N, C-alpha and C. Protein backbone atom coordinates (compact mmCIF):
# COMPACT_ATOMS: atom_id res chain seq x y z
N MET A 1 10.30 -18.01 1.83
CA MET A 1 9.93 -16.64 1.46
C MET A 1 10.56 -15.69 2.46
N LYS A 2 11.07 -14.60 1.94
CA LYS A 2 11.79 -13.65 2.76
C LYS A 2 11.15 -12.27 2.66
N LEU A 3 10.79 -11.68 3.81
CA LEU A 3 10.27 -10.33 3.87
C LEU A 3 11.44 -9.39 4.11
N ARG A 4 11.54 -8.32 3.30
CA ARG A 4 12.66 -7.38 3.43
C ARG A 4 12.27 -6.02 2.86
N LYS A 5 13.12 -5.03 3.16
CA LYS A 5 12.96 -3.72 2.54
C LYS A 5 13.26 -3.86 1.05
N ALA A 6 12.54 -3.10 0.25
CA ALA A 6 12.75 -3.14 -1.19
C ALA A 6 14.06 -2.46 -1.57
N LYS A 7 14.59 -2.89 -2.71
CA LYS A 7 15.81 -2.30 -3.28
C LYS A 7 15.47 -1.76 -4.67
N VAL A 8 16.32 -0.90 -5.17
CA VAL A 8 16.06 -0.33 -6.50
C VAL A 8 16.00 -1.42 -7.57
N THR A 9 16.67 -2.52 -7.35
CA THR A 9 16.62 -3.62 -8.33
C THR A 9 15.26 -4.31 -8.35
N ASP A 10 14.39 -4.01 -7.39
CA ASP A 10 13.05 -4.61 -7.33
C ASP A 10 12.00 -3.78 -8.06
N VAL A 11 12.33 -2.57 -8.44
CA VAL A 11 11.32 -1.63 -8.95
C VAL A 11 10.50 -2.19 -10.11
N SER A 12 11.13 -2.76 -11.10
CA SER A 12 10.35 -3.23 -12.26
C SER A 12 9.42 -4.39 -11.88
N GLN A 13 9.86 -5.25 -10.96
CA GLN A 13 9.00 -6.34 -10.52
C GLN A 13 7.82 -5.80 -9.69
N ILE A 14 8.09 -4.81 -8.84
CA ILE A 14 7.02 -4.19 -8.05
C ILE A 14 5.98 -3.58 -8.99
N GLN A 15 6.46 -2.84 -9.99
CA GLN A 15 5.54 -2.21 -10.93
C GLN A 15 4.68 -3.25 -11.66
N LYS A 16 5.29 -4.33 -12.07
CA LYS A 16 4.56 -5.38 -12.80
C LYS A 16 3.45 -5.96 -11.92
N ILE A 17 3.76 -6.24 -10.66
CA ILE A 17 2.75 -6.81 -9.76
C ILE A 17 1.60 -5.82 -9.55
N ILE A 18 1.92 -4.58 -9.25
CA ILE A 18 0.88 -3.57 -9.01
C ILE A 18 0.03 -3.35 -10.25
N ASN A 19 0.69 -3.17 -11.39
CA ASN A 19 -0.05 -2.78 -12.59
C ASN A 19 -0.89 -3.90 -13.19
N GLN A 20 -0.60 -5.16 -12.84
CA GLN A 20 -1.50 -6.23 -13.31
C GLN A 20 -2.86 -6.10 -12.62
N TYR A 21 -2.88 -5.63 -11.37
CA TYR A 21 -4.15 -5.39 -10.68
C TYR A 21 -4.78 -4.09 -11.16
N ALA A 22 -3.96 -3.11 -11.47
CA ALA A 22 -4.48 -1.83 -11.97
C ALA A 22 -5.20 -2.03 -13.31
N GLU A 23 -4.70 -2.93 -14.14
CA GLU A 23 -5.35 -3.21 -15.41
C GLU A 23 -6.76 -3.77 -15.20
N LYS A 24 -6.98 -4.42 -14.07
CA LYS A 24 -8.31 -4.97 -13.72
C LYS A 24 -9.13 -3.95 -12.92
N LYS A 25 -8.58 -2.74 -12.74
CA LYS A 25 -9.21 -1.65 -12.00
C LYS A 25 -9.43 -1.99 -10.53
N ILE A 26 -8.52 -2.79 -9.97
CA ILE A 26 -8.55 -3.15 -8.55
C ILE A 26 -7.59 -2.27 -7.76
N MET A 27 -6.61 -1.69 -8.44
CA MET A 27 -5.62 -0.80 -7.84
C MET A 27 -5.36 0.34 -8.81
N LEU A 28 -4.59 1.30 -8.33
CA LEU A 28 -4.17 2.39 -9.21
C LEU A 28 -2.82 2.06 -9.81
N MET A 29 -2.63 2.44 -11.06
CA MET A 29 -1.34 2.26 -11.74
C MET A 29 -0.25 3.01 -11.00
N ARG A 30 0.96 2.49 -11.08
CA ARG A 30 2.13 3.17 -10.53
C ARG A 30 3.19 3.20 -11.62
N SER A 31 3.73 4.38 -11.85
CA SER A 31 4.80 4.52 -12.84
C SER A 31 6.11 4.10 -12.21
N LEU A 32 7.10 3.81 -13.05
CA LEU A 32 8.43 3.50 -12.54
C LEU A 32 8.95 4.66 -11.70
N ASN A 33 8.71 5.88 -12.16
CA ASN A 33 9.16 7.06 -11.44
C ASN A 33 8.56 7.12 -10.03
N GLU A 34 7.26 6.85 -9.90
CA GLU A 34 6.62 6.88 -8.58
C GLU A 34 7.24 5.84 -7.65
N ILE A 35 7.50 4.66 -8.18
CA ILE A 35 8.06 3.59 -7.34
C ILE A 35 9.51 3.92 -6.96
N TYR A 36 10.31 4.37 -7.91
CA TYR A 36 11.68 4.78 -7.57
C TYR A 36 11.67 5.88 -6.50
N ASP A 37 10.76 6.83 -6.66
CA ASP A 37 10.68 7.95 -5.75
C ASP A 37 10.35 7.52 -4.32
N LYS A 38 9.60 6.44 -4.18
CA LYS A 38 9.16 5.98 -2.86
C LYS A 38 9.73 4.61 -2.49
N ILE A 39 10.79 4.17 -3.14
CA ILE A 39 11.31 2.82 -2.91
C ILE A 39 11.66 2.59 -1.44
N GLN A 40 12.11 3.62 -0.75
CA GLN A 40 12.46 3.45 0.66
C GLN A 40 11.23 3.17 1.52
N CYS A 41 10.03 3.37 1.01
CA CYS A 41 8.78 3.10 1.74
C CYS A 41 8.28 1.67 1.54
N PHE A 42 8.86 0.96 0.58
CA PHE A 42 8.35 -0.36 0.20
C PHE A 42 9.01 -1.50 0.96
N TYR A 43 8.19 -2.51 1.21
CA TYR A 43 8.64 -3.83 1.66
C TYR A 43 8.26 -4.81 0.56
N VAL A 44 9.04 -5.85 0.43
CA VAL A 44 8.72 -6.90 -0.53
C VAL A 44 8.85 -8.26 0.14
N ILE A 45 8.18 -9.23 -0.44
CA ILE A 45 8.41 -10.62 -0.09
C ILE A 45 9.03 -11.25 -1.32
N GLU A 46 10.15 -11.91 -1.08
CA GLU A 46 10.93 -12.51 -2.16
C GLU A 46 10.87 -14.04 -2.04
N HIS A 47 10.71 -14.69 -3.17
CA HIS A 47 10.71 -16.15 -3.22
C HIS A 47 11.59 -16.58 -4.40
N ILE A 48 12.64 -17.27 -4.10
CA ILE A 48 13.59 -17.76 -5.11
C ILE A 48 14.03 -16.62 -6.05
N GLY A 49 14.41 -15.51 -5.45
CA GLY A 49 14.94 -14.38 -6.23
C GLY A 49 13.91 -13.52 -6.92
N LYS A 50 12.64 -13.80 -6.77
CA LYS A 50 11.58 -13.02 -7.43
C LYS A 50 10.71 -12.35 -6.38
N VAL A 51 10.29 -11.13 -6.66
CA VAL A 51 9.35 -10.43 -5.78
C VAL A 51 7.98 -11.03 -5.99
N THR A 52 7.38 -11.50 -4.88
CA THR A 52 6.05 -12.13 -4.96
C THR A 52 4.97 -11.26 -4.31
N GLY A 53 5.39 -10.21 -3.60
CA GLY A 53 4.43 -9.31 -2.97
C GLY A 53 5.11 -8.02 -2.58
N CYS A 54 4.32 -6.95 -2.47
CA CYS A 54 4.88 -5.65 -2.10
C CYS A 54 3.84 -4.82 -1.35
N CYS A 55 4.34 -3.88 -0.59
CA CYS A 55 3.48 -2.94 0.12
C CYS A 55 4.34 -1.75 0.54
N ALA A 56 3.76 -0.58 0.52
CA ALA A 56 4.48 0.63 0.94
C ALA A 56 3.77 1.26 2.13
N MET A 57 4.56 1.87 2.99
CA MET A 57 4.03 2.65 4.09
C MET A 57 4.67 4.03 4.00
N ASN A 58 3.84 5.02 3.83
CA ASN A 58 4.32 6.38 3.61
C ASN A 58 3.82 7.29 4.74
N ILE A 59 4.75 7.97 5.41
CA ILE A 59 4.35 8.93 6.45
C ILE A 59 3.70 10.12 5.75
N VAL A 60 2.50 10.47 6.20
CA VAL A 60 1.74 11.52 5.55
C VAL A 60 1.72 12.81 6.37
N TRP A 61 1.57 12.66 7.66
CA TRP A 61 1.40 13.82 8.52
C TRP A 61 1.76 13.42 9.93
N ASP A 62 1.63 14.32 10.85
CA ASP A 62 1.93 14.06 12.25
C ASP A 62 1.18 12.81 12.74
N GLU A 63 1.94 11.79 13.07
CA GLU A 63 1.40 10.54 13.63
C GLU A 63 0.43 9.81 12.71
N LEU A 64 0.54 10.02 11.39
CA LEU A 64 -0.36 9.39 10.43
C LEU A 64 0.44 8.86 9.23
N ALA A 65 0.16 7.62 8.85
CA ALA A 65 0.83 7.02 7.68
C ALA A 65 -0.21 6.36 6.79
N GLU A 66 0.16 6.21 5.52
CA GLU A 66 -0.70 5.55 4.54
C GLU A 66 -0.07 4.22 4.12
N ILE A 67 -0.90 3.20 4.07
CA ILE A 67 -0.52 1.91 3.51
C ILE A 67 -0.97 1.96 2.06
N LYS A 68 -0.07 1.66 1.15
CA LYS A 68 -0.44 1.75 -0.27
C LYS A 68 0.29 0.69 -1.09
N SER A 69 -0.22 0.46 -2.27
CA SER A 69 0.40 -0.45 -3.24
C SER A 69 0.60 -1.85 -2.67
N LEU A 70 -0.36 -2.34 -1.90
CA LEU A 70 -0.30 -3.71 -1.39
C LEU A 70 -0.75 -4.65 -2.49
N ALA A 71 0.14 -5.52 -2.93
CA ALA A 71 -0.18 -6.44 -4.02
C ALA A 71 0.66 -7.70 -3.90
N VAL A 72 0.05 -8.82 -4.27
CA VAL A 72 0.71 -10.13 -4.23
C VAL A 72 0.50 -10.80 -5.59
N VAL A 73 1.54 -11.45 -6.09
CA VAL A 73 1.43 -12.20 -7.34
C VAL A 73 0.26 -13.18 -7.19
N PRO A 74 -0.66 -13.23 -8.16
CA PRO A 74 -1.86 -14.05 -8.01
C PRO A 74 -1.63 -15.49 -7.54
N LYS A 75 -0.61 -16.16 -8.05
CA LYS A 75 -0.43 -17.57 -7.65
C LYS A 75 0.05 -17.71 -6.20
N PHE A 76 0.41 -16.58 -5.56
CA PHE A 76 0.81 -16.61 -4.15
C PHE A 76 -0.26 -16.01 -3.23
N CYS A 77 -1.42 -15.67 -3.79
CA CYS A 77 -2.51 -15.14 -2.98
C CYS A 77 -3.05 -16.23 -2.05
N LYS A 78 -3.65 -15.79 -0.97
CA LYS A 78 -4.26 -16.69 0.03
C LYS A 78 -3.22 -17.53 0.75
N LYS A 79 -1.98 -17.03 0.82
CA LYS A 79 -0.91 -17.74 1.53
C LYS A 79 -0.35 -16.90 2.68
N GLY A 80 -1.03 -15.79 3.00
CA GLY A 80 -0.63 -14.96 4.12
C GLY A 80 0.41 -13.90 3.81
N LEU A 81 0.77 -13.72 2.55
CA LEU A 81 1.79 -12.73 2.22
C LEU A 81 1.29 -11.30 2.47
N GLY A 82 0.05 -11.03 2.09
CA GLY A 82 -0.52 -9.71 2.33
C GLY A 82 -0.56 -9.40 3.82
N THR A 83 -0.90 -10.40 4.61
CA THR A 83 -0.93 -10.25 6.07
C THR A 83 0.46 -9.91 6.60
N LYS A 84 1.47 -10.62 6.13
CA LYS A 84 2.85 -10.35 6.58
C LYS A 84 3.28 -8.93 6.22
N LEU A 85 2.92 -8.50 5.02
CA LEU A 85 3.30 -7.16 4.58
C LEU A 85 2.61 -6.08 5.42
N ILE A 86 1.31 -6.24 5.67
CA ILE A 86 0.57 -5.28 6.50
C ILE A 86 1.15 -5.25 7.91
N GLN A 87 1.39 -6.42 8.48
CA GLN A 87 1.94 -6.48 9.83
C GLN A 87 3.30 -5.80 9.91
N GLN A 88 4.13 -5.97 8.89
CA GLN A 88 5.44 -5.31 8.88
C GLN A 88 5.28 -3.79 8.82
N CYS A 89 4.35 -3.32 8.01
CA CYS A 89 4.11 -1.88 7.93
C CYS A 89 3.61 -1.34 9.27
N HIS A 90 2.73 -2.07 9.93
CA HIS A 90 2.25 -1.64 11.25
C HIS A 90 3.40 -1.58 12.25
N LYS A 91 4.26 -2.59 12.22
CA LYS A 91 5.41 -2.64 13.12
C LYS A 91 6.33 -1.43 12.89
N GLU A 92 6.61 -1.14 11.63
CA GLU A 92 7.46 0.00 11.29
C GLU A 92 6.79 1.31 11.69
N ALA A 93 5.50 1.42 11.48
CA ALA A 93 4.77 2.62 11.84
C ALA A 93 4.87 2.88 13.35
N LYS A 94 4.67 1.86 14.14
CA LYS A 94 4.77 2.00 15.60
C LYS A 94 6.17 2.45 16.00
N LYS A 95 7.18 1.85 15.37
CA LYS A 95 8.57 2.19 15.66
C LYS A 95 8.84 3.67 15.38
N LEU A 96 8.18 4.21 14.37
CA LEU A 96 8.37 5.61 13.97
C LEU A 96 7.48 6.58 14.75
N GLY A 97 6.64 6.05 15.64
CA GLY A 97 5.77 6.90 16.43
C GLY A 97 4.44 7.23 15.79
N VAL A 98 4.10 6.52 14.74
CA VAL A 98 2.83 6.73 14.05
C VAL A 98 1.71 6.15 14.92
N LYS A 99 0.64 6.91 15.05
CA LYS A 99 -0.49 6.48 15.89
C LYS A 99 -1.65 5.90 15.07
N ARG A 100 -1.76 6.36 13.81
CA ARG A 100 -2.87 5.89 12.96
C ARG A 100 -2.33 5.60 11.56
N VAL A 101 -2.91 4.58 10.95
CA VAL A 101 -2.58 4.26 9.55
C VAL A 101 -3.89 4.20 8.77
N PHE A 102 -3.82 4.60 7.51
CA PHE A 102 -5.01 4.53 6.68
C PHE A 102 -4.64 3.97 5.31
N ALA A 103 -5.67 3.62 4.57
CA ALA A 103 -5.49 3.17 3.19
C ALA A 103 -6.70 3.64 2.40
N LEU A 104 -6.48 3.85 1.13
CA LEU A 104 -7.57 4.09 0.18
C LEU A 104 -7.62 2.82 -0.66
N THR A 105 -8.75 2.15 -0.65
CA THR A 105 -8.81 0.81 -1.23
C THR A 105 -10.13 0.53 -1.92
N TYR A 106 -10.08 -0.40 -2.86
CA TYR A 106 -11.30 -0.93 -3.47
C TYR A 106 -11.75 -2.19 -2.73
N ILE A 107 -10.93 -2.66 -1.81
CA ILE A 107 -11.22 -3.91 -1.10
C ILE A 107 -11.12 -3.67 0.42
N PRO A 108 -12.08 -2.92 0.99
CA PRO A 108 -12.01 -2.62 2.42
C PRO A 108 -12.11 -3.88 3.30
N LYS A 109 -12.75 -4.90 2.80
CA LYS A 109 -12.92 -6.15 3.56
C LYS A 109 -11.56 -6.71 4.01
N PHE A 110 -10.55 -6.63 3.16
CA PHE A 110 -9.22 -7.13 3.51
C PHE A 110 -8.68 -6.36 4.72
N PHE A 111 -8.77 -5.05 4.68
CA PHE A 111 -8.22 -4.22 5.75
C PHE A 111 -9.00 -4.36 7.04
N LYS A 112 -10.29 -4.59 6.95
CA LYS A 112 -11.12 -4.74 8.15
C LYS A 112 -10.67 -5.94 8.99
N LYS A 113 -10.05 -6.94 8.36
CA LYS A 113 -9.52 -8.09 9.11
C LYS A 113 -8.44 -7.67 10.10
N PHE A 114 -7.84 -6.52 9.87
CA PHE A 114 -6.75 -6.02 10.71
C PHE A 114 -7.20 -4.89 11.63
N GLY A 115 -8.51 -4.69 11.73
CA GLY A 115 -9.03 -3.68 12.64
C GLY A 115 -9.25 -2.30 12.03
N TYR A 116 -9.13 -2.19 10.71
CA TYR A 116 -9.41 -0.91 10.05
C TYR A 116 -10.92 -0.69 10.03
N LYS A 117 -11.29 0.58 10.10
CA LYS A 117 -12.70 0.97 10.03
C LYS A 117 -12.86 1.96 8.87
N GLU A 118 -14.00 1.89 8.21
CA GLU A 118 -14.25 2.84 7.13
C GLU A 118 -14.38 4.24 7.71
N THR A 119 -13.89 5.21 6.94
CA THR A 119 -13.95 6.61 7.36
C THR A 119 -14.19 7.47 6.12
N SER A 120 -14.51 8.69 6.35
CA SER A 120 -14.69 9.65 5.26
C SER A 120 -13.32 10.19 4.85
N ARG A 121 -13.09 10.36 3.57
CA ARG A 121 -11.83 10.93 3.12
C ARG A 121 -11.62 12.34 3.66
N GLU A 122 -12.71 13.02 3.92
CA GLU A 122 -12.63 14.38 4.45
C GLU A 122 -12.03 14.39 5.86
N GLU A 123 -12.04 13.26 6.54
CA GLU A 123 -11.46 13.15 7.88
C GLU A 123 -9.93 13.08 7.83
N LEU A 124 -9.38 12.81 6.65
CA LEU A 124 -7.93 12.68 6.48
C LEU A 124 -7.33 14.04 6.10
N PRO A 125 -6.05 14.25 6.39
CA PRO A 125 -5.42 15.54 6.06
C PRO A 125 -5.49 15.85 4.56
N HIS A 126 -5.57 17.09 4.26
CA HIS A 126 -5.68 17.54 2.86
C HIS A 126 -4.47 17.12 2.03
N LYS A 127 -3.37 16.83 2.69
CA LYS A 127 -2.16 16.42 1.99
C LYS A 127 -2.40 15.20 1.10
N ILE A 128 -3.33 14.33 1.47
CA ILE A 128 -3.58 13.13 0.65
C ILE A 128 -4.14 13.48 -0.71
N TRP A 129 -4.76 14.64 -0.84
CA TRP A 129 -5.37 15.03 -2.10
C TRP A 129 -4.33 15.36 -3.17
N ALA A 130 -3.08 15.62 -2.77
CA ALA A 130 -2.03 15.92 -3.74
C ALA A 130 -1.87 14.79 -4.73
N GLU A 131 -1.94 13.55 -4.26
CA GLU A 131 -1.84 12.40 -5.15
C GLU A 131 -3.16 12.16 -5.88
N CYS A 132 -4.27 12.37 -5.18
CA CYS A 132 -5.59 12.14 -5.78
C CYS A 132 -5.82 13.00 -7.02
N ILE A 133 -5.36 14.23 -6.95
CA ILE A 133 -5.58 15.16 -8.06
C ILE A 133 -4.94 14.65 -9.35
N LYS A 134 -3.85 13.89 -9.24
CA LYS A 134 -3.16 13.36 -10.42
C LYS A 134 -3.83 12.10 -10.98
N CYS A 135 -4.77 11.54 -10.23
CA CYS A 135 -5.39 10.27 -10.60
C CYS A 135 -6.41 10.45 -11.73
N PRO A 136 -6.45 9.53 -12.69
CA PRO A 136 -7.41 9.65 -13.79
C PRO A 136 -8.87 9.50 -13.33
N PHE A 137 -9.09 8.97 -12.14
CA PHE A 137 -10.45 8.78 -11.64
C PHE A 137 -10.95 9.95 -10.80
N PHE A 138 -10.06 10.93 -10.53
CA PHE A 138 -10.45 12.09 -9.73
C PHE A 138 -11.36 12.99 -10.54
N PRO A 139 -12.45 13.50 -10.00
CA PRO A 139 -12.91 13.42 -8.62
C PRO A 139 -13.91 12.28 -8.38
N ASP A 140 -14.14 11.45 -9.36
CA ASP A 140 -15.15 10.39 -9.24
C ASP A 140 -14.53 9.08 -8.76
N CYS A 141 -13.79 9.16 -7.69
CA CYS A 141 -13.07 8.01 -7.16
C CYS A 141 -14.01 7.10 -6.37
N ASN A 142 -13.83 5.81 -6.55
CA ASN A 142 -14.64 4.84 -5.81
C ASN A 142 -13.83 4.17 -4.70
N GLU A 143 -12.61 4.62 -4.47
CA GLU A 143 -11.82 4.02 -3.39
C GLU A 143 -12.47 4.39 -2.05
N ILE A 144 -12.35 3.47 -1.12
CA ILE A 144 -12.92 3.66 0.21
C ILE A 144 -11.78 3.90 1.17
N ALA A 145 -11.93 4.92 2.01
CA ALA A 145 -10.93 5.23 3.02
C ALA A 145 -11.17 4.35 4.24
N VAL A 146 -10.10 3.72 4.71
CA VAL A 146 -10.14 2.92 5.94
C VAL A 146 -9.00 3.39 6.84
N ILE A 147 -9.22 3.32 8.15
CA ILE A 147 -8.22 3.81 9.09
C ILE A 147 -8.15 2.90 10.31
N LYS A 148 -6.98 2.84 10.91
CA LYS A 148 -6.76 2.02 12.09
C LYS A 148 -5.91 2.79 13.09
N VAL A 149 -6.31 2.72 14.35
CA VAL A 149 -5.50 3.28 15.42
C VAL A 149 -4.56 2.17 15.87
N LEU A 150 -3.27 2.47 15.91
CA LEU A 150 -2.29 1.45 16.32
C LEU A 150 -2.16 1.37 17.84
């Protein structure tokens, strides 16, 4: 398995992985346009030419980044791929001078393994609401905000 930056040729596979979880209401749907727009933020894990996991790290504000769209093909779950993706995003964040990373998640337990703590969304910059407003679950969102100091 190879961890690498995503390429435009990965977009449809990334979307398929994310949206299979979105259909179960575990993640938010991502359009092809959203993924193309942020492809430079994505990392993937590739196995025999197929994307088996993905994660994006997006700089949001001064010294703050968001981890988003973390997903692994179900048959590759529990094999450490999510851990590798999170660790790569943390490494990249530190390299860029980011001091804190956050995620909005339905599964805070996963992030807590990496030292994330639950926080109020109101503690995060208002810039994050730009994406929330477009969400079909806004304003009745059940995602939990988690944050980690690097």
